[in-house]
Amino acid sequence: MGQIMGLLSMAVTIYTYALFIYILMSWFPGARESQIGAFFASICEPYLEQFRKIIPPLGMIDISPIVAIFVLQLAKVGVFTLLGMFAGA
């Protein structure tokens, strides 16, 4: 059970870093149009898109990525809690 939790934790951490990198790429002109930008868009946009449908931008600031990262971390804690309950049973 510990290996599953460790693998899940690593996957969520890597995805969180990918989200941060993708968000930071918006600060650099042309970065999202590169091959690396296209790669990050292909893995990050499907997740971020769900939050952009619900949360409109505040002026020029898009807070949906912050909410998306928060929800991802909250889901991680929830899954760990459930796995911990099953492991203890």
PDB file of N, CA and C in Angstrom:
ATOM      1  N   MET A   1       0.828  -1.189   0.000  1.00  0.00           N
ATOM      2  CA  MET A   1       0.000   0.000   0.000  1.00  0.00           C
ATOM      3  C   MET A   1       0.874   1.256   0.000  1.00  0.00           C
ATOM      4  N   GLY A   2       2.016   1.166   0.678  1.00  0.00           N
ATOM      5  CA  GLY A   2       2.923   2.307   0.741  1.00  0.00           C
ATOM      6  C   GLY A   2       3.501   2.672  -0.614  1.00  0.00           C
ATOM      7  N   GLN A   3       3.748   1.666  -1.449  1.00  0.00           N
ATOM      8  CA  GLN A   3       4.285   1.932  -2.789  1.00  0.00           C
ATOM      9  C   GLN A   3       3.262   2.641  -3.661  1.00  0.00           C
ATOM     10  N   ILE A   4       1.998   2.255  -3.522  1.00  0.00           N
ATOM     11  CA  ILE A   4       0.934   2.910  -4.294  1.00  0.00           C
ATOM     12  C   ILE A   4       0.815   4.365  -3.876  1.00  0.00           C
ATOM     13  N   MET A   5       0.860   4.613  -2.572  1.00  0.00           N
ATOM     14  CA  MET A   5       0.753   5.983  -2.078  1.00  0.00           C
ATOM     15  C   MET A   5       1.959   6.810  -2.521  1.00  0.00           C
ATOM     16  N   GLY A   6       3.132   6.226  -2.507  1.00  0.00           N
ATOM     17  CA  GLY A   6       4.329   6.928  -2.951  1.00  0.00           C
ATOM     18  C   GLY A   6       4.285   7.246  -4.429  1.00  0.00           C
ATOM     19  N   LEU A   7       3.827   6.303  -5.232  1.00  0.00           N
ATOM     20  CA  LEU A   7       3.704   6.502  -6.678  1.00  0.00           C
ATOM     21  C   LEU A   7       2.658   7.574  -6.985  1.00  0.00           C
ATOM     22  N   LEU A   8       1.527   7.507  -6.285  1.00  0.00           N
ATOM     23  CA  LEU A   8       0.483   8.507  -6.487  1.00  0.00           C
ATOM     24  C   LEU A   8       0.964   9.898  -6.082  1.00  0.00           C
ATOM     25  N   SER A   9       1.671   9.968  -4.979  1.00  0.00           N
ATOM     26  CA  SER A   9       2.203  11.246  -4.521  1.00  0.00           C
ATOM     27  C   SER A   9       3.182  11.825  -5.540  1.00  0.00           C
ATOM     28  N   MET A  10       4.047  10.984  -6.078  1.00  0.00           N
ATOM     29  CA  MET A  10       5.014  11.436  -7.075  1.00  0.00           C
ATOM     30  C   MET A  10       4.303  11.899  -8.349  1.00  0.00           C
ATOM     31  N   ALA A  11       3.274  11.174  -8.773  1.00  0.00           N
ATOM     32  CA  ALA A  11       2.531  11.551  -9.983  1.00  0.00           C
ATOM     33  C   ALA A  11       1.833  12.900  -9.804  1.00  0.00           C
ATOM     34  N   VAL A  12       1.216  13.108  -8.651  1.00  0.00           N
ATOM     35  CA  VAL A  12       0.541  14.388  -8.391  1.00  0.00           C
ATOM     36  C   VAL A  12       1.564  15.518  -8.312  1.00  0.00           C
ATOM     37  N   THR A  13       2.707  15.265  -7.700  1.00  0.00           N
ATOM     38  CA  THR A  13       3.753  16.280  -7.611  1.00  0.00           C
ATOM     39  C   THR A  13       4.275  16.652  -8.991  1.00  0.00           C
ATOM     40  N   ILE A  14       4.527  15.664  -9.832  1.00  0.00           N
ATOM     41  CA  ILE A  14       5.013  15.933 -11.192  1.00  0.00           C
ATOM     42  C   ILE A  14       3.971  16.709 -11.989  1.00  0.00           C
ATOM     43  N   TYR A  15       2.704  16.337 -11.867  1.00  0.00           N
ATOM     44  CA  TYR A  15       1.652  17.041 -12.591  1.00  0.00           C
ATOM     45  C   TYR A  15       1.501  18.474 -12.086  1.00  0.00           C
ATOM     46  N   THR A  16       1.644  18.674 -10.774  1.00  0.00           N
ATOM     47  CA  THR A  16       1.592  20.024 -10.209  1.00  0.00           C
ATOM     48  C   THR A  16       2.726  20.871 -10.769  1.00  0.00           C
ATOM     49  N   TYR A  17       3.925  20.317 -10.855  1.00  0.00           N
ATOM     50  CA  TYR A  17       5.057  21.038 -11.453  1.00  0.00           C
ATOM     51  C   TYR A  17       4.779  21.357 -12.926  1.00  0.00           C
ATOM     52  N   ALA A  18       4.170  20.416 -13.640  1.00  0.00           N
ATOM     53  CA  ALA A  18       3.833  20.658 -15.043  1.00  0.00           C
ATOM     54  C   ALA A  18       2.842  21.817 -15.160  1.00  0.00           C
ATOM     55  N   LEU A  19       1.872  21.868 -14.252  1.00  0.00           N
ATOM     56  CA  LEU A  19       0.924  22.981 -14.256  1.00  0.00           C
ATOM     57  C   LEU A  19       1.632  24.305 -13.990  1.00  0.00           C
ATOM     58  N   PHE A  20       2.532  24.324 -13.008  1.00  0.00           N
ATOM     59  CA  PHE A  20       3.283  25.546 -12.707  1.00  0.00           C
ATOM     60  C   PHE A  20       4.103  25.998 -13.917  1.00  0.00           C
ATOM     61  N   ILE A  21       4.780  25.065 -14.552  1.00  0.00           N
ATOM     62  CA  ILE A  21       5.595  25.407 -15.726  1.00  0.00           C
ATOM     63  C   ILE A  21       4.707  25.959 -16.832  1.00  0.00           C
ATOM     64  N   TYR A  22       3.575  25.324 -17.061  1.00  0.00           N
ATOM     65  CA  TYR A  22       2.665  25.776 -18.110  1.00  0.00           C
ATOM     66  C   TYR A  22       2.133  27.176 -17.803  1.00  0.00           C
ATOM     67  N   ILE A  23       1.825  27.430 -16.556  1.00  0.00           N
ATOM     68  CA  ILE A  23       1.341  28.754 -16.153  1.00  0.00           C
ATOM     69  C   ILE A  23       2.438  29.790 -16.345  1.00  0.00           C
ATOM     70  N   LEU A  24       3.656  29.467 -15.945  1.00  0.00           N
ATOM     71  CA  LEU A  24       4.759  30.416 -16.097  1.00  0.00           C
ATOM     72  C   LEU A  24       5.092  30.689 -17.559  1.00  0.00           C
ATOM     73  N   MET A  25       4.820  29.728 -18.430  1.00  0.00           N
ATOM     74  CA  MET A  25       5.091  29.915 -19.854  1.00  0.00           C
ATOM     75  C   MET A  25       4.254  31.050 -20.442  1.00  0.00           C
ATOM     76  N   SER A  26       3.137  31.358 -19.812  1.00  0.00           N
ATOM     77  CA  SER A  26       2.298  32.439 -20.327  1.00  0.00           C
ATOM     78  C   SER A  26       2.967  33.804 -20.146  1.00  0.00           C
ATOM     79  N   TRP A  27       3.971  33.887 -19.312  1.00  0.00           N
ATOM     80  CA  TRP A  27       4.684  35.148 -19.082  1.00  0.00           C
ATOM     81  C   TRP A  27       5.723  35.426 -20.162  1.00  0.00           C
ATOM     82  N   PHE A  28       6.061  34.429 -20.958  1.00  0.00           N
ATOM     83  CA  PHE A  28       7.106  34.574 -21.969  1.00  0.00           C
ATOM     84  C   PHE A  28       6.479  34.496 -23.359  1.00  0.00           C
ATOM     85  N   PRO A  29       6.622  35.549 -24.153  1.00  0.00           N
ATOM     86  CA  PRO A  29       6.015  35.559 -25.491  1.00  0.00           C
ATOM     87  C   PRO A  29       6.523  34.397 -26.353  1.00  0.00           C
ATOM     88  N   GLY A  30       5.592  33.682 -26.947  1.00  0.00           N
ATOM     89  CA  GLY A  30       5.946  32.608 -27.864  1.00  0.00           C
ATOM     90  C   GLY A  30       6.289  31.285 -27.200  1.00  0.00           C
ATOM     91  N   ALA A  31       6.348  31.254 -25.877  1.00  0.00           N
ATOM     92  CA  ALA A  31       6.752  30.009 -25.204  1.00  0.00           C
ATOM     93  C   ALA A  31       5.706  28.910 -25.386  1.00  0.00           C
ATOM     94  N   ARG A  32       4.450  29.275 -25.364  1.00  0.00           N
ATOM     95  CA  ARG A  32       3.400  28.265 -25.515  1.00  0.00           C
ATOM     96  C   ARG A  32       3.268  27.777 -26.953  1.00  0.00           C
ATOM     97  N   GLU A  33       3.838  28.504 -27.890  1.00  0.00           N
ATOM     98  CA  GLU A  33       3.767  28.084 -29.294  1.00  0.00           C
ATOM     99  C   GLU A  33       4.921  27.154 -29.671  1.00  0.00           C
ATOM    100  N   SER A  34       5.857  26.945 -28.772  1.00  0.00           N
ATOM    101  CA  SER A  34       6.978  26.043 -29.045  1.00  0.00           C
ATOM    102  C   SER A  34       6.526  24.585 -28.895  1.00  0.00           C
ATOM    103  N   GLN A  35       7.416  23.661 -29.229  1.00  0.00           N
ATOM    104  CA  GLN A  35       7.087  22.239 -29.075  1.00  0.00           C
ATOM    105  C   GLN A  35       6.890  21.877 -27.609  1.00  0.00           C
ATOM    106  N   ILE A  36       7.706  22.442 -26.751  1.00  0.00           N
ATOM    107  CA  ILE A  36       7.555  22.173 -25.321  1.00  0.00           C
ATOM    108  C   ILE A  36       6.236  22.745 -24.824  1.00  0.00           C
ATOM    109  N   GLY A  37       5.906  23.941 -25.286  1.00  0.00           N
ATOM    110  CA  GLY A  37       4.633  24.552 -24.913  1.00  0.00           C
ATOM    111  C   GLY A  37       3.449  23.724 -25.378  1.00  0.00           C
ATOM    112  N   ALA A  38       3.548  23.176 -26.574  1.00  0.00           N
ATOM    113  CA  ALA A  38       2.476  22.318 -27.092  1.00  0.00           C
ATOM    114  C   ALA A  38       2.350  21.044 -26.260  1.00  0.00           C
ATOM    115  N   PHE A  39       3.489  20.503 -25.824  1.00  0.00           N
ATOM    116  CA  PHE A  39       3.457  19.309 -24.973  1.00  0.00           C
ATOM    117  C   PHE A  39       2.755  19.609 -23.655  1.00  0.00           C
ATOM    118  N   PHE A  40       3.158  20.709 -23.002  1.00  0.00           N
ATOM    119  CA  PHE A  40       2.529  21.067 -21.731  1.00  0.00           C
ATOM    120  C   PHE A  40       1.054  21.404 -21.915  1.00  0.00           C
ATOM    121  N   ALA A  41       0.704  22.040 -23.037  1.00  0.00           N
ATOM    122  CA  ALA A  41      -0.704  22.336 -23.313  1.00  0.00           C
ATOM    123  C   ALA A  41      -1.514  21.052 -23.446  1.00  0.00           C
ATOM    124  N   SER A  42      -0.934  20.046 -24.085  1.00  0.00           N
ATOM    125  CA  SER A  42      -1.671  18.796 -24.291  1.00  0.00           C
ATOM    126  C   SER A  42      -1.936  18.054 -22.983  1.00  0.00           C
ATOM    127  N   ILE A  43      -1.076  18.238 -21.985  1.00  0.00           N
ATOM    128  CA  ILE A  43      -1.317  17.537 -20.720  1.00  0.00           C
ATOM    129  C   ILE A  43      -2.001  18.416 -19.667  1.00  0.00           C
ATOM    130  N   CYS A  44      -1.903  19.728 -19.799  1.00  0.00           N
ATOM    131  CA  CYS A  44      -2.460  20.624 -18.776  1.00  0.00           C
ATOM    132  C   CYS A  44      -3.814  21.207 -19.156  1.00  0.00           C
ATOM    133  N   GLU A  45      -4.007  21.551 -20.419  1.00  0.00           N
ATOM    134  CA  GLU A  45      -5.244  22.221 -20.834  1.00  0.00           C
ATOM    135  C   GLU A  45      -6.513  21.408 -20.577  1.00  0.00           C
ATOM    136  N   PRO A  46      -6.542  20.090 -20.800  1.00  0.00           N
ATOM    137  CA  PRO A  46      -7.789  19.369 -20.511  1.00  0.00           C
ATOM    138  C   PRO A  46      -8.227  19.510 -19.043  1.00  0.00           C
ATOM    139  N   TYR A  47      -7.281  19.527 -18.128  1.00  0.00           N
ATOM    140  CA  TYR A  47      -7.604  19.688 -16.709  1.00  0.00           C
ATOM    141  C   TYR A  47      -7.987  21.134 -16.402  1.00  0.00           C
ATOM    142  N   LEU A  48      -7.197  22.085 -16.893  1.00  0.00           N
ATOM    143  CA  LEU A  48      -7.464  23.490 -16.613  1.00  0.00           C
ATOM    144  C   LEU A  48      -8.760  23.966 -17.261  1.00  0.00           C
ATOM    145  N   GLU A  49      -9.090  23.407 -18.403  1.00  0.00           N
ATOM    146  CA  GLU A  49     -10.294  23.804 -19.133  1.00  0.00           C
ATOM    147  C   GLU A  49     -11.555  23.606 -18.295  1.00  0.00           C
ATOM    148  N   GLN A  50     -11.574  22.550 -17.487  1.00  0.00           N
ATOM    149  CA  GLN A  50     -12.739  22.277 -16.646  1.00  0.00           C
ATOM    150  C   GLN A  50     -12.967  23.414 -15.648  1.00  0.00           C
ATOM    151  N   PHE A  51     -11.906  23.991 -15.150  1.00  0.00           N
ATOM    152  CA  PHE A  51     -12.020  25.080 -14.180  1.00  0.00           C
ATOM    153  C   PHE A  51     -12.307  26.414 -14.865  1.00  0.00           C
ATOM    154  N   ARG A  52     -11.801  26.587 -16.072  1.00  0.00           N
ATOM    155  CA  ARG A  52     -12.060  27.833 -16.810  1.00  0.00           C
ATOM    156  C   ARG A  52     -13.523  27.950 -17.221  1.00  0.00           C
ATOM    157  N   LYS A  53     -14.203  26.816 -17.370  1.00  0.00           N
ATOM    158  CA  LYS A  53     -15.626  26.836 -17.684  1.00  0.00           C
ATOM    159  C   LYS A  53     -16.430  27.395 -16.506  1.00  0.00           C
ATOM    160  N   ILE A  54     -15.946  27.166 -15.296  1.00  0.00           N
ATOM    161  CA  ILE A  54     -16.676  27.542 -14.082  1.00  0.00           C
ATOM    162  C   ILE A  54     -16.246  28.907 -13.556  1.00  0.00           C
ATOM    163  N   ILE A  55     -14.942  29.185 -13.613  1.00  0.00           N
ATOM    164  CA  ILE A  55     -14.390  30.391 -12.999  1.00  0.00           C
ATOM    165  C   ILE A  55     -13.971  31.374 -14.093  1.00  0.00           C
ATOM    166  N   PRO A  56     -14.696  32.483 -14.215  1.00  0.00           N
ATOM    167  CA  PRO A  56     -14.304  33.466 -15.234  1.00  0.00           C
ATOM    168  C   PRO A  56     -13.072  34.253 -14.785  1.00  0.00           C
ATOM    169  N   PRO A  57     -12.304  34.779 -15.735  1.00  0.00           N
ATOM    170  CA  PRO A  57     -11.139  35.593 -15.358  1.00  0.00           C
ATOM    171  C   PRO A  57     -11.575  36.879 -14.659  1.00  0.00           C
ATOM    172  N   LEU A  58     -10.749  37.338 -13.735  1.00  0.00           N
ATOM    173  CA  LEU A  58     -10.986  38.609 -13.054  1.00  0.00           C
ATOM    174  C   LEU A  58     -10.157  39.663 -13.757  1.00  0.00           C
ATOM    175  N   GLY A  59     -10.771  40.344 -14.707  1.00  0.00           N
ATOM    176  CA  GLY A  59     -10.018  41.293 -15.519  1.00  0.00           C
ATOM    177  C   GLY A  59      -9.061  40.532 -16.414  1.00  0.00           C
ATOM    178  N   MET A  60      -7.762  40.784 -16.234  1.00  0.00           N
ATOM    179  CA  MET A  60      -6.750  40.072 -17.019  1.00  0.00           C
ATOM    180  C   MET A  60      -6.127  38.922 -16.238  1.00  0.00           C
ATOM    181  N   ILE A  61      -6.640  38.664 -15.045  1.00  0.00           N
ATOM    182  CA  ILE A  61      -6.063  37.623 -14.193  1.00  0.00           C
ATOM    183  C   ILE A  61      -6.953  36.385 -14.209  1.00  0.00           C
ATOM    184  N   ASP A  62      -6.359  35.266 -14.555  1.00  0.00           N
ATOM    185  CA  ASP A  62      -7.055  33.980 -14.578  1.00  0.00           C
ATOM    186  C   ASP A  62      -6.682  33.220 -13.308  1.00  0.00           C
ATOM    187  N   ILE A  63      -7.637  33.103 -12.382  1.00  0.00           N
ATOM    188  CA  ILE A  63      -7.343  32.408 -11.122  1.00  0.00           C
ATOM    189  C   ILE A  63      -7.679  30.922 -11.182  1.00  0.00           C
ATOM    190  N   SER A  64      -8.218  30.473 -12.301  1.00  0.00           N
ATOM    191  CA  SER A  64      -8.598  29.064 -12.398  1.00  0.00           C
ATOM    192  C   SER A  64      -7.417  28.106 -12.197  1.00  0.00           C
ATOM    193  N   PRO A  65      -6.183  28.416 -12.643  1.00  0.00           N
ATOM    194  CA  PRO A  65      -5.081  27.492 -12.354  1.00  0.00           C
ATOM    195  C   PRO A  65      -4.790  27.346 -10.858  1.00  0.00           C
ATOM    196  N   ILE A  66      -4.967  28.418 -10.105  1.00  0.00           N
ATOM    197  CA  ILE A  66      -4.752  28.330  -8.660  1.00  0.00           C
ATOM    198  C   ILE A  66      -5.771  27.390  -8.041  1.00  0.00           C
ATOM    199  N   VAL A  67      -7.028  27.538  -8.449  1.00  0.00           N
ATOM    200  CA  VAL A  67      -8.085  26.658  -7.947  1.00  0.00           C
ATOM    201  C   VAL A  67      -7.827  25.222  -8.400  1.00  0.00           C
ATOM    202  N   ALA A  68      -7.378  25.048  -9.630  1.00  0.00           N
ATOM    203  CA  ALA A  68      -7.110  23.702 -10.153  1.00  0.00           C
ATOM    204  C   ALA A  68      -6.015  23.005  -9.352  1.00  0.00           C
ATOM    205  N   ILE A  69      -4.962  23.732  -9.014  1.00  0.00           N
ATOM    206  CA  ILE A  69      -3.876  23.147  -8.216  1.00  0.00           C
ATOM    207  C   ILE A  69      -4.369  22.841  -6.806  1.00  0.00           C
ATOM    208  N   PHE A  70      -5.160  23.725  -6.239  1.00  0.00           N
ATOM    209  CA  PHE A  70      -5.720  23.490  -4.911  1.00  0.00           C
ATOM    210  C   PHE A  70      -6.589  22.240  -4.902  1.00  0.00           C
ATOM    211  N   VAL A  71      -7.449  22.092  -5.908  1.00  0.00           N
ATOM    212  CA  VAL A  71      -8.323  20.915  -5.998  1.00  0.00           C
ATOM    213  C   VAL A  71      -7.493  19.644  -6.180  1.00  0.00           C
ATOM    214  N   LEU A  72      -6.437  19.711  -6.970  1.00  0.00           N
ATOM    215  CA  LEU A  72      -5.563  18.556  -7.169  1.00  0.00           C
ATOM    216  C   LEU A  72      -4.930  18.114  -5.849  1.00  0.00           C
ATOM    217  N   GLN A  73      -4.448  19.076  -5.070  1.00  0.00           N
ATOM    218  CA  GLN A  73      -3.841  18.747  -3.784  1.00  0.00           C
ATOM    219  C   GLN A  73      -4.891  18.231  -2.798  1.00  0.00           C
ATOM    220  N   LEU A  74      -6.077  18.807  -2.828  1.00  0.00           N
ATOM    221  CA  LEU A  74      -7.161  18.354  -1.963  1.00  0.00           C
ATOM    222  C   LEU A  74      -7.569  16.923  -2.309  1.00  0.00           C
ATOM    223  N   ALA A  75      -7.631  16.612  -3.596  1.00  0.00           N
ATOM    224  CA  ALA A  75      -7.961  15.250  -4.028  1.00  0.00           C
ATOM    225  C   ALA A  75      -6.883  14.266  -3.569  1.00  0.00           C
ATOM    226  N   LYS A  76      -5.632  14.694  -3.637  1.00  0.00           N
ATOM    227  CA  LYS A  76      -4.527  13.841  -3.183  1.00  0.00           C
ATOM    228  C   LYS A  76      -4.690  13.498  -1.708  1.00  0.00           C
ATOM    229  N   VAL A  77      -4.994  14.488  -0.898  1.00  0.00           N
ATOM    230  CA  VAL A  77      -5.186  14.253   0.536  1.00  0.00           C
ATOM    231  C   VAL A  77      -6.383  13.330   0.759  1.00  0.00           C
ATOM    232  N   GLY A  78      -7.461  13.548   0.000  1.00  0.00           N
ATOM    233  CA  GLY A  78      -8.641  12.696   0.136  1.00  0.00           C
ATOM    234  C   GLY A  78      -8.361  11.250  -0.214  1.00  0.00           C
ATOM    235  N   VAL A  79      -7.639  11.039  -1.294  1.00  0.00           N
ATOM    236  CA  VAL A  79      -7.302   9.668  -1.706  1.00  0.00           C
ATOM    237  C   VAL A  79      -6.385   9.018  -0.674  1.00  0.00           C
ATOM    238  N   PHE A  80      -5.413   9.775  -0.160  1.00  0.00           N
ATOM    239  CA  PHE A  80      -4.526   9.219   0.865  1.00  0.00           C
ATOM    240  C   PHE A  80      -5.291   8.856   2.123  1.00  0.00           C
ATOM    241  N   THR A  81      -6.269   9.678   2.476  1.00  0.00           N
ATOM    242  CA  THR A  81      -7.086   9.379   3.651  1.00  0.00           C
ATOM    243  C   THR A  81      -7.876   8.090   3.439  1.00  0.00           C
ATOM    244  N   LEU A  82      -8.470   7.948   2.257  1.00  0.00           N
ATOM    245  CA  LEU A  82      -9.217   6.719   1.961  1.00  0.00           C
ATOM    246  C   LEU A  82      -8.308   5.495   1.942  1.00  0.00           C
ATOM    247  N   LEU A  83      -7.142   5.622   1.315  1.00  0.00           N
ATOM    248  CA  LEU A  83      -6.210   4.494   1.293  1.00  0.00           C
ATOM    249  C   LEU A  83      -5.737   4.137   2.695  1.00  0.00           C
ATOM    250  N   GLY A  84      -5.526   5.161   3.503  1.00  0.00           N
ATOM    251  CA  GLY A  84      -5.135   4.919   4.883  1.00  0.00           C
ATOM    252  C   GLY A  84      -6.228   4.198   5.676  1.00  0.00           C
ATOM    253  N   MET A  85      -7.475   4.535   5.407  1.00  0.00           N
ATOM    254  CA  MET A  85      -8.590   3.867   6.074  1.00  0.00           C
ATOM    255  C   MET A  85      -8.673   2.402   5.661  1.00  0.00           C
ATOM    256  N   PHE A  86      -8.470   2.137   4.361  1.00  0.00           N
ATOM    257  CA  PHE A  86      -8.529   0.753   3.882  1.00  0.00           C
ATOM    258  C   PHE A  86      -7.327  -0.056   4.383  1.00  0.00           C
ATOM    259  N   ALA A  87      -6.187   0.597   4.498  1.00  0.00           N
ATOM    260  CA  ALA A  87      -4.982  -0.099   4.963  1.00  0.00           C
ATOM    261  C   ALA A  87      -5.108  -0.455   6.431  1.00  0.00           C
ATOM    262  N   GLY A  88      -5.800   0.399   7.189  1.00  0.00           N
ATOM    263  CA  GLY A  88      -5.945   0.162   8.614  1.00  0.00           C
ATOM    264  C   GLY A  88      -7.062  -0.820   8.933  1.00  0.00           C
ATOM    265  N   ALA A  89      -7.921  -1.097   7.975  1.00  0.00           N
ATOM    266  CA  ALA A  89      -9.087  -1.977   8.232  1.00  0.00           C
ATOM    267  C   ALA A  89      -8.725  -3.430   8.202  1.00  0.00           C
TER     268      ALA A  89
END
